[in-house]
Amino acid sequence: MDESQKLYRYEMRFFGQVQGVGFRYTAYNAACGEGATGWVKNDWDGTVLMQIQGNLGQIAKVLKKIEDEIFIEIDRIEKKLIPVQDAEKRFSVR
């Protein structure tokens, strides 16, 4: 497999002004547009939790689109690499 096409899966928690600003739908549209899979949801503590799977280029493009959204203000991101889910076929909002 070409290294640029290797799949990775990250769990990311976004802190800042991330709820009530269209974050989940921005993430959804960006991920679907790039062919990434996973899910995104608001968490009880005001953060947004996302699992995203794709090659590194796809993931980087999704993050850039989220960060470029005018109403979203990300203070920090906690990110960890987690196992790839081979059977997953789409990205969803939870």
Protein backbone atom coordinates (compact mmCIF):
# COMPACT_ATOMS: atom_id res chain seq x y z
CA MET A 1 0.00 0.00 0.00
CA ASP A 2 1.20 3.48 -0.86
CA GLU A 3 2.10 5.22 2.43
CA SER A 4 0.03 8.29 1.45
CA GLN A 5 -3.09 6.07 1.33
CA LYS A 6 -2.54 4.35 4.69
CA LEU A 7 -5.56 4.75 6.98
CA TYR A 8 -5.32 6.39 10.39
CA ARG A 9 -8.00 6.98 13.01
CA TYR A 10 -7.83 9.75 15.58
CA GLU A 11 -10.02 10.63 18.50
CA MET A 12 -9.98 14.40 18.94
CA ARG A 13 -11.52 16.60 21.61
CA PHE A 14 -11.94 20.25 20.62
CA PHE A 15 -11.96 23.01 23.25
CA GLY A 16 -13.05 26.62 22.75
CA GLN A 17 -16.11 28.13 21.11
CA VAL A 18 -17.10 24.87 19.47
CA GLN A 19 -20.76 24.30 20.38
CA GLY A 20 -23.65 26.22 18.85
CA VAL A 21 -21.49 27.47 15.96
CA GLY A 22 -22.09 24.81 13.30
CA PHE A 23 -19.02 22.76 14.23
CA ARG A 24 -20.62 19.32 13.76
CA TYR A 25 -22.13 20.13 10.38
CA THR A 26 -18.93 21.79 9.19
CA ALA A 27 -17.04 18.65 10.23
CA TYR A 28 -19.64 16.43 8.57
CA ASN A 29 -19.56 18.30 5.26
CA ALA A 30 -15.76 18.49 5.26
CA ALA A 31 -15.33 14.80 6.08
CA CYS A 32 -17.87 13.68 3.48
CA GLY A 33 -16.25 15.94 0.90
CA GLU A 34 -12.83 14.43 1.59
CA GLY A 35 -14.02 10.83 1.85
CA ALA A 36 -13.12 10.49 5.54
CA THR A 37 -15.23 8.36 7.90
CA GLY A 38 -16.04 8.57 11.60
CA TRP A 39 -18.38 10.66 13.73
CA VAL A 40 -18.68 13.93 15.64
CA LYS A 41 -20.77 14.88 18.68
CA ASN A 42 -21.22 17.61 21.26
CA ASP A 43 -20.17 16.52 24.74
CA TRP A 44 -21.76 17.49 28.04
CA ASP A 45 -18.77 19.62 29.11
CA GLY A 46 -18.98 22.08 26.19
CA THR A 47 -16.35 20.33 24.08
CA VAL A 48 -16.81 18.52 20.77
CA LEU A 49 -15.60 14.93 20.42
CA MET A 50 -14.73 13.55 16.99
CA GLN A 51 -13.34 10.30 15.68
CA ILE A 52 -12.03 10.65 12.15
CA GLN A 53 -10.54 8.03 9.88
CA GLY A 54 -8.76 8.51 6.59
CA ASN A 55 -5.32 9.07 5.15
CA LEU A 56 -3.25 11.89 6.63
CA GLY A 57 -4.06 14.22 3.73
CA GLN A 58 -7.81 13.74 4.14
CA ILE A 59 -7.65 14.31 7.90
CA ALA A 60 -5.52 17.46 7.49
CA LYS A 61 -7.95 18.91 4.93
CA VAL A 62 -10.95 18.26 7.20
CA LEU A 63 -9.22 19.96 10.14
CA LYS A 64 -8.29 22.95 7.96
CA LYS A 65 -11.89 23.38 6.82
CA ILE A 66 -13.11 23.27 10.43
CA GLU A 67 -10.45 25.75 11.58
CA ASP A 68 -11.24 28.12 8.70
CA GLU A 69 -14.93 28.38 9.65
CA ILE A 70 -15.50 31.95 10.86
CA PHE A 71 -17.67 31.20 13.91
CA ILE A 72 -15.59 28.30 15.25
CA GLU A 73 -12.82 29.26 17.68
CA ILE A 74 -10.65 26.29 18.69
CA ASP A 75 -8.45 26.94 21.74
CA ARG A 76 -6.85 23.51 21.76
CA ILE A 77 -7.23 19.96 20.48
CA GLU A 78 -6.46 16.80 22.44
CA LYS A 79 -5.65 14.08 19.89
CA LYS A 80 -4.83 10.41 20.17
CA LEU A 81 -4.29 7.68 17.61
CA ILE A 82 -6.79 4.83 17.95
CA PRO A 83 -7.37 1.58 16.01
CA VAL A 84 -8.78 1.81 12.48
CA GLN A 85 -12.32 0.48 12.03
CA ASP A 86 -12.23 -1.35 8.72
CA ALA A 87 -16.00 -1.81 8.43
CA GLU A 88 -16.84 1.89 8.79
CA LYS A 89 -18.16 3.41 5.56
CA ARG A 90 -19.37 6.93 6.39
CA PHE A 91 -19.13 9.97 8.64
CA SER A 92 -22.04 10.81 10.93
CA VAL A 93 -23.25 13.42 13.41
CA ARG A 94 -24.21 11.95 16.78
